[in-house]
C-alpha atoms as a PDB file:
ATOM      1  CA  MET A   1      76.088 -23.223  33.348  1.00  0.00           C
ATOM      2  CA  ASP A   2      74.070 -24.666  30.479  1.00  0.00           C
ATOM      3  CA  ALA A   3      70.478 -25.306  30.985  1.00  0.00           C
ATOM      4  CA  LEU A   4      67.612 -26.628  28.897  1.00  0.00           C
ATOM      5  CA  VAL A   5      64.840 -24.066  29.825  1.00  0.00           C
ATOM      6  CA  ASN A   6      61.189 -24.501  29.083  1.00  0.00           C
ATOM      7  CA  THR A   7      60.485 -20.794  27.930  1.00  0.00           C
ATOM      8  CA  ALA A   8      56.991 -21.239  26.394  1.00  0.00           C
ATOM      9  CA  PRO A   9      54.469 -23.922  25.462  1.00  0.00           C
ATOM     10  CA  GLY A  10      56.393 -26.609  23.478  1.00  0.00           C
ATOM     11  CA  CYS A  11      59.651 -24.634  23.645  1.00  0.00           C
ATOM     12  CA  LEU A  12      62.803 -25.992  25.158  1.00  0.00           C
ATOM     13  CA  GLU A  13      65.829 -23.806  24.768  1.00  0.00           C
ATOM     14  CA  ARG A  14      69.435 -24.247  25.685  1.00  0.00           C
ATOM     15  CA  ARG A  15      70.509 -21.208  27.715  1.00  0.00           C
ATOM     16  CA  GLN A  16      73.452 -19.942  29.755  1.00  0.00           C
ATOM     17  CA  LEU A  17      72.432 -19.272  33.392  1.00  0.00           C
ATOM     18  CA  PRO A  18      74.252 -18.457  36.581  1.00  0.00           C
ATOM     19  CA  THR A  19      75.339 -21.591  38.502  1.00  0.00           C
ATOM     20  CA  PRO A  20      73.447 -21.746  41.776  1.00  0.00           C
ATOM     21  CA  ASP A  21      75.053 -21.843  45.194  1.00  0.00           C
ATOM     22  CA  PRO A  22      73.564 -24.047  47.941  1.00  0.00           C
ATOM     23  CA  GLY A  23      72.274 -22.681  51.178  1.00  0.00           C
ATOM     24  CA  HIS A  24      71.955 -24.361  54.656  1.00  0.00           C
ATOM     25  CA  GLY A  25      70.945 -27.875  54.297  1.00  0.00           C
ATOM     26  CA  GLN A  26      71.330 -27.866  50.545  1.00  0.00           C
ATOM     27  CA  VAL A  27      73.802 -29.479  48.137  1.00  0.00           C
ATOM     28  CA  ARG A  28      74.596 -28.601  44.506  1.00  0.00           C
ATOM     29  CA  ILE A  29      74.378 -31.566  42.100  1.00  0.00           C
ATOM     30  CA  ARG A  30      76.402 -31.702  38.886  1.00  0.00           C
ATOM     31  CA  THR A  31      73.991 -33.701  36.579  1.00  0.00           C
ATOM     32  CA  LEU A  32      75.344 -36.704  34.828  1.00  0.00           C
ATOM     33  CA  ALA A  33      72.003 -38.034  33.387  1.00  0.00           C
ATOM     34  CA  CYS A  34      68.383 -37.234  33.357  1.00  0.00           C
ATOM     35  CA  GLY A  35      65.483 -39.287  32.125  1.00  0.00           C
ATOM     36  CA  VAL A  36      62.834 -37.765  29.776  1.00  0.00           C
ATOM     37  CA  CYS A  37      59.543 -38.646  31.435  1.00  0.00           C
ATOM     38  CA  ALA A  38      56.041 -38.371  30.048  1.00  0.00           C
ATOM     39  CA  THR A  39      55.385 -35.804  32.682  1.00  0.00           C
ATOM     40  CA  ASP A  40      58.272 -33.745  31.417  1.00  0.00           C
ATOM     41  CA  LEU A  41      56.544 -33.757  27.984  1.00  0.00           C
ATOM     42  CA  GLU A  42      53.335 -32.572  29.454  1.00  0.00           C
ATOM     43  CA  MET A  43      55.135 -29.897  31.399  1.00  0.00           C
ATOM     44  CA  ILE A  44      56.991 -28.628  28.308  1.00  0.00           C
ATOM     45  CA  GLN A  45      53.805 -28.324  26.378  1.00  0.00           C
ATOM     46  CA  GLY A  46      52.386 -26.155  29.145  1.00  0.00           C
ATOM     47  CA  TRP A  47      50.230 -27.031  32.190  1.00  0.00           C
ATOM     48  CA  SER A  48      48.790 -25.462  35.204  1.00  0.00           C
ATOM     49  CA  ARG A  49      51.332 -26.690  37.675  1.00  0.00           C
ATOM     50  CA  THR A  50      54.345 -24.706  36.542  1.00  0.00           C
ATOM     51  CA  GLY A  51      54.777 -21.544  34.457  1.00  0.00           C
ATOM     52  CA  PHE A  52      57.592 -20.330  32.349  1.00  0.00           C
ATOM     53  CA  PRO A  53      60.570 -20.236  32.423  1.00  0.00           C
ATOM     54  CA  ALA A  54      61.204 -23.532  34.175  1.00  0.00           C
ATOM     55  CA  ILE A  55      63.881 -26.290  34.122  1.00  0.00           C
ATOM     56  CA  PRO A  56      62.410 -29.890  34.079  1.00  0.00           C
ATOM     57  CA  GLY A  57      64.073 -33.016  35.121  1.00  0.00           C
ATOM     58  CA  HIS A  58      63.112 -35.104  38.101  1.00  0.00           C
ATOM     59  CA  GLU A  59      64.669 -38.479  37.001  1.00  0.00           C
ATOM     60  CA  TRP A  60      68.210 -37.498  37.641  1.00  0.00           C
ATOM     61  CA  CYS A  61      71.583 -39.022  38.707  1.00  0.00           C
ATOM     62  CA  GLY A  62      74.590 -36.819  39.405  1.00  0.00           C
ATOM     63  CA  VAL A  63      77.518 -35.973  41.619  1.00  0.00           C
ATOM     64  CA  VAL A  64      77.543 -33.817  44.717  1.00  0.00           C
ATOM     65  CA  ASP A  65      79.549 -30.770  43.547  1.00  0.00           C
ATOM     66  CA  MET A  66      79.197 -28.465  46.536  1.00  0.00           C
ATOM     67  CA  VAL A  67      77.516 -28.503  50.048  1.00  0.00           C
ATOM     68  CA  GLY A  68      75.893 -25.536  51.738  1.00  0.00           C
ATOM     69  CA  PRO A  69      77.251 -23.909  55.020  1.00  0.00           C
ATOM     70  CA  GLY A  70      77.644 -26.495  57.693  1.00  0.00           C
ATOM     71  CA  GLY A  71      77.078 -29.423  55.242  1.00  0.00           C
ATOM     72  CA  ASP A  72      78.906 -32.614  55.062  1.00  0.00           C
ATOM     73  CA  ALA A  73      81.979 -32.005  52.895  1.00  0.00           C
ATOM     74  CA  ALA A  74      82.543 -35.757  52.618  1.00  0.00           C
ATOM     75  CA  LEU A  75      79.624 -35.858  50.260  1.00  0.00           C
ATOM     76  CA  ILE A  76      81.485 -33.902  47.566  1.00  0.00           C
ATOM     77  CA  GLY A  77      82.297 -36.207  44.649  1.00  0.00           C
ATOM     78  CA  ARG A  78      79.764 -38.880  45.636  1.00  0.00           C
ATOM     79  CA  HIS A  79      77.371 -40.277  43.013  1.00  0.00           C
ATOM     80  CA  CYS A  80      73.767 -39.991  44.033  1.00  0.00           C
ATOM     81  CA  VAL A  81      70.115 -39.812  43.274  1.00  0.00           C
ATOM     82  CA  GLY A  82      67.545 -38.336  45.622  1.00  0.00           C
ATOM     83  CA  ASP A  83      63.966 -37.791  46.575  1.00  0.00           C
ATOM     84  CA  ASN A  84      62.681 -34.623  44.864  1.00  0.00           C
ATOM     85  CA  VAL A  85      60.133 -33.367  47.347  1.00  0.00           C
ATOM     86  CA  LEU A  86      61.541 -30.240  49.172  1.00  0.00           C
ATOM     87  CA  PRO A  87      60.499 -28.625  52.351  1.00  0.00           C
ATOM     88  CA  ASP A  88      58.323 -26.028  50.804  1.00  0.00           C
ATOM     89  CA  GLY A  89      56.313 -28.894  49.078  1.00  0.00           C
ATOM     90  CA  GLY A  90      57.596 -28.228  45.692  1.00  0.00           C
ATOM     91  CA  GLU A  91      59.759 -30.743  43.763  1.00  0.00           C
ATOM     92  CA  VAL A  92      63.043 -30.688  41.915  1.00  0.00           C
ATOM     93  CA  GLY A  93      62.193 -30.745  38.111  1.00  0.00           C
ATOM     94  CA  PHE A  94      58.866 -29.069  38.663  1.00  0.00           C
ATOM     95  CA  GLU A  95      58.498 -25.966  40.945  1.00  0.00           C
ATOM     96  CA  HIS A  96      62.409 -26.120  41.376  1.00  0.00           C
ATOM     97  CA  PRO A  97      64.965 -26.357  38.680  1.00  0.00           C
ATOM     98  CA  GLY A  98      65.943 -29.959  37.905  1.00  0.00           C
ATOM     99  CA  GLY A  99      68.305 -32.233  35.950  1.00  0.00           C
ATOM    100  CA  TYR A 100      67.824 -30.556  32.517  1.00  0.00           C
ATOM    101  CA  ALA A 101      70.640 -28.317  33.641  1.00  0.00           C
ATOM    102  CA  GLN A 102      74.310 -29.008  34.375  1.00  0.00           C
ATOM    103  CA  TYR A 103      73.767 -28.033  37.969  1.00  0.00           C
ATOM    104  CA  PHE A 104      70.780 -27.777  40.365  1.00  0.00           C
ATOM    105  CA  LEU A 105      70.106 -27.690  44.107  1.00  0.00           C
ATOM    106  CA  THR A 106      68.436 -30.163  46.329  1.00  0.00           C
ATOM    107  CA  GLN A 107      68.329 -31.065  50.074  1.00  0.00           C
ATOM    108  CA  GLU A 108      71.232 -32.917  51.587  1.00  0.00           C
ATOM    109  CA  ALA A 109      68.869 -35.082  53.582  1.00  0.00           C
ATOM    110  CA  ASN A 110      67.159 -36.241  50.377  1.00  0.00           C
ATOM    111  CA  LEU A 111      70.223 -37.855  48.933  1.00  0.00           C
ATOM    112  CA  ARG A 112      70.743 -41.532  48.330  1.00  0.00           C
ATOM    113  CA  LEU A 113      74.346 -42.367  47.596  1.00  0.00           C
ATOM    114  CA  LEU A 114      75.447 -44.837  44.840  1.00  0.00           C
ATOM    115  CA  PRO A 115      78.629 -46.752  44.427  1.00  0.00           C
ATOM    116  CA  ASP A 116      81.276 -45.360  42.143  1.00  0.00           C
ATOM    117  CA  GLY A 117      80.996 -46.890  38.657  1.00  0.00           C
ATOM    118  CA  THR A 118      77.188 -46.958  38.764  1.00  0.00           C
ATOM    119  CA  ASP A 119      75.889 -46.285  35.289  1.00  0.00           C
ATOM    120  CA  PRO A 120      74.174 -42.932  35.700  1.00  0.00           C
ATOM    121  CA  ALA A 121      71.880 -43.349  32.792  1.00  0.00           C
ATOM    122  CA  VAL A 122      70.422 -46.536  34.208  1.00  0.00           C
ATOM    123  CA  ALA A 123      70.406 -45.027  37.753  1.00  0.00           C
ATOM    124  CA  THR A 124      67.922 -42.435  36.511  1.00  0.00           C
ATOM    125  CA  LEU A 125      65.311 -45.254  36.677  1.00  0.00           C
ATOM    126  CA  ILE A 126      65.534 -45.307  40.565  1.00  0.00           C
ATOM    127  CA  GLU A 127      63.080 -42.331  40.694  1.00  0.00           C
ATOM    128  CA  PRO A 128      60.279 -44.151  38.684  1.00  0.00           C
ATOM    129  CA  LEU A 129      61.260 -47.352  40.535  1.00  0.00           C
ATOM    130  CA  ALA A 130      60.429 -45.675  43.807  1.00  0.00           C
ATOM    131  CA  VAL A 131      57.128 -44.584  42.362  1.00  0.00           C
ATOM    132  CA  CYS A 132      56.375 -48.164  41.462  1.00  0.00           C
ATOM    133  CA  LEU A 133      57.342 -49.521  44.825  1.00  0.00           C
ATOM    134  CA  ARG A 134      55.253 -47.021  46.601  1.00  0.00           C
ATOM    135  CA  GLY A 135      52.290 -48.095  44.466  1.00  0.00           C
ATOM    136  CA  LEU A 136      52.886 -51.807  44.945  1.00  0.00           C
ATOM    137  CA  ARG A 137      53.027 -51.300  48.741  1.00  0.00           C
ATOM    138  CA  ARG A 138      49.395 -50.174  48.538  1.00  0.00           C
ATOM    139  CA  LEU A 139      48.457 -53.408  46.816  1.00  0.00           C
ATOM    140  CA  ARG A 140      50.151 -55.775  49.309  1.00  0.00           C
ATOM    141  CA  PRO A 141      49.728 -58.649  49.868  1.00  0.00           C
ATOM    142  CA  LEU A 142      49.791 -59.079  46.146  1.00  0.00           C
ATOM    143  CA  GLY A 143      49.916 -62.900  45.970  1.00  0.00           C
ATOM    144  CA  ASN A 144      50.025 -64.550  42.523  1.00  0.00           C
ATOM    145  CA  ARG A 145      46.797 -63.153  41.149  1.00  0.00           C
ATOM    146  CA  PRO A 146      46.119 -62.524  37.518  1.00  0.00           C
ATOM    147  CA  THR A 147      47.492 -59.117  36.868  1.00  0.00           C
ATOM    148  CA  LEU A 148      47.446 -56.732  33.923  1.00  0.00           C
ATOM    149  CA  VAL A 149      49.738 -53.702  33.379  1.00  0.00           C
ATOM    150  CA  VAL A 150      48.188 -51.126  31.075  1.00  0.00           C
ATOM    151  CA  GLY A 151      50.954 -49.160  29.409  1.00  0.00           C
ATOM    152  CA  ASP A 152      54.398 -50.220  28.122  1.00  0.00           C
ATOM    153  CA  GLY A 153      56.376 -47.179  28.926  1.00  0.00           C
ATOM    154  CA  ALA A 154      58.968 -46.950  31.781  1.00  0.00           C
ATOM    155  CA  ILE A 155      56.447 -47.317  34.654  1.00  0.00           C
ATOM    156  CA  GLY A 156      54.746 -50.253  32.991  1.00  0.00           C
ATOM    157  CA  LEU A 157      58.056 -51.988  32.163  1.00  0.00           C
ATOM    158  CA  LEU A 158      59.377 -51.383  35.758  1.00  0.00           C
ATOM    159  CA  MET A 159      56.132 -52.733  37.185  1.00  0.00           C
ATOM    160  CA  THR A 160      56.498 -55.784  35.022  1.00  0.00           C
ATOM    161  CA  THR A 161      60.084 -56.260  36.298  1.00  0.00           C
ATOM    162  CA  LEU A 162      59.126 -55.971  39.900  1.00  0.00           C
ATOM    163  CA  LEU A 163      56.020 -58.258  39.636  1.00  0.00           C
ATOM    164  CA  ALA A 164      58.003 -60.855  37.760  1.00  0.00           C
ATOM    165  CA  GLY A 165      60.712 -60.702  40.484  1.00  0.00           C
ATOM    166  CA  GLU A 166      58.077 -61.400  43.133  1.00  0.00           C
ATOM    167  CA  GLY A 167      56.945 -64.520  41.333  1.00  0.00           C
ATOM    168  CA  ALA A 168      53.966 -63.446  39.315  1.00  0.00           C
ATOM    169  CA  THR A 169      53.186 -66.047  36.635  1.00  0.00           C
ATOM    170  CA  GLU A 170      49.894 -64.678  35.289  1.00  0.00           C
ATOM    171  CA  LEU A 171      51.231 -61.273  34.289  1.00  0.00           C
ATOM    172  CA  ALA A 172      49.914 -59.514  31.059  1.00  0.00           C
ATOM    173  CA  VAL A 173      51.057 -56.219  29.527  1.00  0.00           C
ATOM    174  CA  LEU A 174      48.924 -54.113  27.185  1.00  0.00           C
ATOM    175  CA  GLY A 175      50.673 -51.474  25.099  1.00  0.00           C
ATOM    176  CA  GLY A 176      51.148 -49.891  21.666  1.00  0.00           C
ATOM    177  CA  VAL A 177      54.824 -50.151  20.816  1.00  0.00           C
ATOM    178  CA  PRO A 178      55.864 -53.614  19.504  1.00  0.00           C
ATOM    179  CA  GLU A 179      59.539 -53.238  20.603  1.00  0.00           C
ATOM    180  CA  ARG A 180      58.360 -52.331  24.140  1.00  0.00           C
ATOM    181  CA  LEU A 181      55.980 -55.344  24.248  1.00  0.00           C
ATOM    182  CA  ALA A 182      58.840 -57.616  23.208  1.00  0.00           C
ATOM    183  CA  LEU A 183      60.951 -56.083  26.045  1.00  0.00           C
ATOM    184  CA  ALA A 184      58.100 -56.712  28.511  1.00  0.00           C
ATOM    185  CA  ARG A 185      58.223 -60.391  27.645  1.00  0.00           C
ATOM    186  CA  THR A 186      61.964 -60.579  28.311  1.00  0.00           C
ATOM    187  CA  LEU A 187      61.378 -58.811  31.694  1.00  0.00           C
ATOM    188  CA  GLY A 188      58.854 -61.457  32.734  1.00  0.00           C
ATOM    189  CA  ALA A 189      55.398 -60.828  31.221  1.00  0.00           C
ATOM    190  CA  SER A 190      53.685 -64.068  30.413  1.00  0.00           C
ATOM    191  CA  ALA A 191      51.388 -62.417  27.777  1.00  0.00           C
ATOM    192  CA  THR A 192      51.398 -59.083  25.865  1.00  0.00           C
ATOM    193  CA  GLU A 193      48.889 -57.516  23.506  1.00  0.00           C
ATOM    194  CA  ASP A 194      49.109 -54.580  21.291  1.00  0.00           C
ATOM    195  CA  TYR A 195      46.108 -52.221  21.803  1.00  0.00           C
ATOM    196  CA  HIS A 196      46.204 -51.328  18.097  1.00  0.00           C
ATOM    197  CA  ALA A 197      44.806 -54.808  17.449  1.00  0.00           C
ATOM    198  CA  ALA A 198      41.378 -54.840  15.805  1.00  0.00           C
ATOM    199  CA  ASP A 199      39.455 -56.383  18.756  1.00  0.00           C
ATOM    200  CA  LEU A 200      40.624 -56.629  22.372  1.00  0.00           C
ATOM    201  CA  GLN A 201      37.277 -57.790  23.798  1.00  0.00           C
ATOM    202  CA  ASP A 202      38.100 -61.491  23.939  1.00  0.00           C
ATOM    203  CA  TRP A 203      41.452 -60.752  25.479  1.00  0.00           C
ATOM    204  CA  LEU A 204      40.102 -58.386  28.201  1.00  0.00           C
ATOM    205  CA  ALA A 205      37.015 -60.646  28.875  1.00  0.00           C
ATOM    206  CA  SER A 206      39.285 -62.863  31.081  1.00  0.00           C
ATOM    207  CA  ARG A 207      39.185 -60.055  33.696  1.00  0.00           C
ATOM    208  CA  PHE A 208      42.165 -59.421  36.033  1.00  0.00           C
ATOM    209  CA  ALA A 209      42.199 -59.477  39.762  1.00  0.00           C
ATOM    210  CA  VAL A 210      44.765 -56.683  39.727  1.00  0.00           C
ATOM    211  CA  VAL A 211      45.108 -53.923  37.090  1.00  0.00           C
ATOM    212  CA  ILE A 212      47.897 -51.445  37.090  1.00  0.00           C
ATOM    213  CA  GLU A 213      47.155 -48.371  34.930  1.00  0.00           C
ATOM    214  CA  ALA A 214      50.585 -47.239  33.933  1.00  0.00           C
ATOM    215  CA  SER A 215      49.768 -45.282  30.772  1.00  0.00           C
ATOM    216  CA  GLY A 216      48.522 -42.045  32.343  1.00  0.00           C
ATOM    217  CA  THR A 217      45.984 -41.649  29.602  1.00  0.00           C
ATOM    218  CA  GLU A 218      42.170 -41.363  29.641  1.00  0.00           C
ATOM    219  CA  GLY A 219      41.945 -44.360  27.240  1.00  0.00           C
ATOM    220  CA  GLY A 220      44.120 -46.390  29.456  1.00  0.00           C
ATOM    221  CA  MET A 221      41.985 -45.736  32.437  1.00  0.00           C
ATOM    222  CA  ARG A 222      38.923 -46.844  30.599  1.00  0.00           C
ATOM    223  CA  THR A 223      40.634 -49.939  29.570  1.00  0.00           C
ATOM    224  CA  ALA A 224      41.930 -50.623  33.104  1.00  0.00           C
ATOM    225  CA  LEU A 225      38.440 -50.393  34.535  1.00  0.00           C
ATOM    226  CA  ALA A 226      36.861 -52.621  31.811  1.00  0.00           C
ATOM    227  CA  ALA A 227      39.607 -55.203  32.413  1.00  0.00           C
ATOM    228  CA  ALA A 228      39.204 -55.539  36.181  1.00  0.00           C
ATOM    229  CA  ALA A 229      37.399 -58.569  37.587  1.00  0.00           C
ATOM    230  CA  ASN A 230      34.485 -58.223  39.980  1.00  0.00           C
ATOM    231  CA  GLN A 231      36.025 -57.169  43.366  1.00  0.00           C
ATOM    232  CA  GLY A 232      39.297 -56.404  41.531  1.00  0.00           C
ATOM    233  CA  THR A 233      41.710 -53.657  42.320  1.00  0.00           C
ATOM    234  CA  VAL A 234      42.971 -50.949  39.961  1.00  0.00           C
ATOM    235  CA  LEU A 235      46.167 -49.127  40.859  1.00  0.00           C
ATOM    236  CA  ILE A 236      46.579 -45.661  39.553  1.00  0.00           C
ATOM    237  CA  PRO A 237      50.166 -44.354  39.797  1.00  0.00           C
ATOM    238  CA  GLY A 238      50.058 -42.135  36.686  1.00  0.00           C
ATOM    239  CA  ASP A 239      49.437 -38.432  36.078  1.00  0.00           C
ATOM    240  CA  TYR A 240      46.307 -37.496  34.046  1.00  0.00           C
ATOM    241  CA  GLY A 241      46.645 -33.805  33.652  1.00  0.00           C
ATOM    242  CA  GLU A 242      43.261 -32.149  33.300  1.00  0.00           C
ATOM    243  CA  HIS A 243      41.287 -35.305  32.493  1.00  0.00           C
ATOM    244  CA  HIS A 244      38.247 -36.167  34.453  1.00  0.00           C
ATOM    245  CA  ALA A 245      36.567 -39.448  35.400  1.00  0.00           C
ATOM    246  CA  ASN A 246      34.044 -40.506  32.763  1.00  0.00           C
ATOM    247  CA  PHE A 247      32.473 -43.877  33.635  1.00  0.00           C
ATOM    248  CA  PRO A 248      29.200 -45.107  35.191  1.00  0.00           C
ATOM    249  CA  TRP A 249      29.634 -44.830  38.958  1.00  0.00           C
ATOM    250  CA  ASN A 250      27.331 -47.766  39.376  1.00  0.00           C
ATOM    251  CA  ASP A 251      29.709 -49.857  37.571  1.00  0.00           C
ATOM    252  CA  LEU A 252      32.177 -49.283  40.323  1.00  0.00           C
ATOM    253  CA  LEU A 253      29.460 -50.080  42.916  1.00  0.00           C
ATOM    254  CA  HIS A 254      27.946 -53.189  41.355  1.00  0.00           C
ATOM    255  CA  ARG A 255      31.282 -54.823  40.463  1.00  0.00           C
ATOM    256  CA  GLU A 256      32.789 -53.797  43.829  1.00  0.00           C
ATOM    257  CA  LEU A 257      35.955 -52.319  42.437  1.00  0.00           C
ATOM    258  CA  ALA A 258      38.715 -50.786  44.491  1.00  0.00           C
ATOM    259  CA  LEU A 259      40.517 -47.827  43.022  1.00  0.00           C
ATOM    260  CA  VAL A 260      43.891 -47.184  44.623  1.00  0.00           C
ATOM    261  CA  GLY A 261      45.804 -43.913  43.921  1.00  0.00           C
ATOM    262  CA  SER A 262      49.556 -43.574  44.530  1.00  0.00           C
ATOM    263  CA  ASN A 263      51.582 -40.457  44.067  1.00  0.00           C
ATOM    264  CA  ALA A 264      55.355 -40.040  43.761  1.00  0.00           C
ATOM    265  CA  GLY A 265      57.951 -42.316  45.397  1.00  0.00           C
ATOM    266  CA  THR A 266      58.390 -40.614  48.865  1.00  0.00           C
ATOM    267  CA  GLY A 267      58.964 -43.338  51.539  1.00  0.00           C
ATOM    268  CA  ALA A 268      60.174 -45.918  48.920  1.00  0.00           C
ATOM    269  CA  TRP A 269      63.475 -44.463  47.986  1.00  0.00           C
ATOM    270  CA  ASP A 270      65.613 -46.745  50.261  1.00  0.00           C
ATOM    271  CA  GLU A 271      63.909 -49.853  48.927  1.00  0.00           C
ATOM    272  CA  ALA A 272      64.271 -48.551  45.346  1.00  0.00           C
ATOM    273  CA  VAL A 273      68.018 -48.004  45.737  1.00  0.00           C
ATOM    274  CA  SER A 274      68.397 -51.460  47.347  1.00  0.00           C
ATOM    275  CA  ARG A 275      66.439 -53.218  44.650  1.00  0.00           C
ATOM    276  CA  PHE A 276      68.392 -51.422  41.871  1.00  0.00           C
ATOM    277  CA  LEU A 277      71.835 -52.090  43.416  1.00  0.00           C
ATOM    278  CA  ALA A 278      70.914 -55.745  43.989  1.00  0.00           C
ATOM    279  CA  LYS A 279      70.400 -56.391  40.147  1.00  0.00           C
ATOM    280  CA  PRO A 280      71.339 -53.397  38.181  1.00  0.00           C
ATOM    281  CA  ASP A 281      71.788 -55.278  34.956  1.00  0.00           C
ATOM    282  CA  ARG A 282      67.993 -56.160  34.993  1.00  0.00           C
ATOM    283  CA  PHE A 283      67.190 -52.485  34.424  1.00  0.00           C
ATOM    284  CA  VAL A 284      69.525 -51.780  31.692  1.00  0.00           C
ATOM    285  CA  PRO A 285      67.366 -52.790  28.758  1.00  0.00           C
ATOM    286  CA  ILE A 286      64.700 -50.244  29.660  1.00  0.00           C
ATOM    287  CA  VAL A 287      67.065 -47.348  28.824  1.00  0.00           C
ATOM    288  CA  THR A 288      66.913 -47.556  25.056  1.00  0.00           C
ATOM    289  CA  HIS A 289      68.461 -44.237  24.001  1.00  0.00           C
ATOM    290  CA  ARG A 290      71.219 -42.059  25.528  1.00  0.00           C
ATOM    291  CA  ILE A 291      71.271 -38.557  23.955  1.00  0.00           C
ATOM    292  CA  PRO A 292      73.709 -35.844  24.812  1.00  0.00           C
ATOM    293  CA  ALA A 293      72.185 -32.559  26.102  1.00  0.00           C
ATOM    294  CA  SER A 294      73.483 -30.816  22.991  1.00  0.00           C
ATOM    295  CA  ASP A 295      70.952 -32.929  20.992  1.00  0.00           C
ATOM    296  CA  HIS A 296      68.121 -32.295  23.360  1.00  0.00           C
ATOM    297  CA  ALA A 297      65.520 -31.769  20.525  1.00  0.00           C
ATOM    298  CA  GLU A 298      66.150 -35.253  19.371  1.00  0.00           C
ATOM    299  CA  ALA A 299      65.702 -36.684  22.917  1.00  0.00           C
ATOM    300  CA  ILE A 300      62.356 -34.928  23.240  1.00  0.00           C
ATOM    301  CA  ASP A 301      61.219 -36.044  19.885  1.00  0.00           C
ATOM    302  CA  LEU A 302      62.116 -39.665  20.589  1.00  0.00           C
ATOM    303  CA  ALA A 303      60.333 -39.675  23.838  1.00  0.00           C
ATOM    304  CA  ARG A 304      57.211 -38.045  22.366  1.00  0.00           C
ATOM    305  CA  THR A 305      56.931 -40.117  19.119  1.00  0.00           C
ATOM    306  CA  ARG A 306      58.190 -43.409  20.801  1.00  0.00           C
ATOM    307  CA  ARG A 307      59.828 -44.135  17.484  1.00  0.00           C
ATOM    308  CA  ASP A 308      62.652 -46.585  17.147  1.00  0.00           C
ATOM    309  CA  GLY A 309      61.297 -48.551  20.019  1.00  0.00           C
ATOM    310  CA  ALA A 310      62.065 -45.773  22.530  1.00  0.00           C
ATOM    311  CA  ALA A 311      61.225 -46.842  26.105  1.00  0.00           C
ATOM    312  CA  ARG A 312      63.223 -44.596  28.360  1.00  0.00           C
ATOM    313  CA  VAL A 313      65.200 -41.761  26.760  1.00  0.00           C
ATOM    314  CA  VAL A 314      67.918 -40.311  28.791  1.00  0.00           C
ATOM    315  CA  ILE A 315      69.670 -36.948  28.383  1.00  0.00           C
ATOM    316  CA  THR A 316      73.343 -37.128  29.333  1.00  0.00           C
ATOM    317  CA  TRP A 317      75.653 -34.260  30.468  1.00  0.00           C
ATOM    318  CA  PRO A 318      79.428 -34.290  29.867  1.00  0.00           C
ATOM    319  CA  THR A 319      81.203 -35.987  32.747  1.00  0.00           C
ATOM    320  CA  ALA A 320      84.115 -33.400  32.728  1.00  0.00           C
ATOM    321  CA  LEU A 321      83.086 -29.754  33.100  1.00  0.00           C
END
């Protein structure tokens, strides 16, 4: 099979590898599409979580190609997505090979089936959608409180979509890509601001009861804390690599802020699939680029540079193999 293998820091090579066979409780997935996440970019550059070689890809959609011994043969040919956390605690696309390959293995019990005809590129958003929903559960009851989303990437845009769908009317998005900010407004944001603007102080001075830090950056975290109102809540669903907290702890104390961390999407997959299938067209605009695996270098560059208004870049694999 073909696979895009992370062989060294910053190096993603297309290689021929043996096609894996599923064991007990496992299925083999033939990848149709896989999103390029900011976490993938961090992984490709080299980090402490995974070494080399590794096969990224945790935002996948595919078809069940083979089941392990004793598995449900009726699953073969079904379109699906799935929770990536495996019994050993590792995850598909990180410690275990993921959707940057034509085939990979996962647990049969983790699958969520999709109707035939589902757009696989858009369905790759179900994984980050589950991440968003798990985080929002930790904020409930949300109510219609002034809310700021920091970050205009896929997580920020999905959060915007979900919050707008729940009736949020005071919903602002702060980001750095004009095309993404315009998309946020079409998804339901009532206000947007480009952080490249000369002075954000007046805009942030309004203070928000809820701030969702969706950029996964140190600067974004500082902004989120500054923008939160007294007794406000800051939700942190991003990944910050090796960055450490760097703010006056007394600020947290005196302003009585609540910091809420949320990791992965486990426990929210069923709701994510249900939300997606109820209104799939609402998620289509977030997938801005579909790039064949043969042009993977272009896909990675688009995601890294965010040029051409790239929001979610998706690598696609041939449907007939």
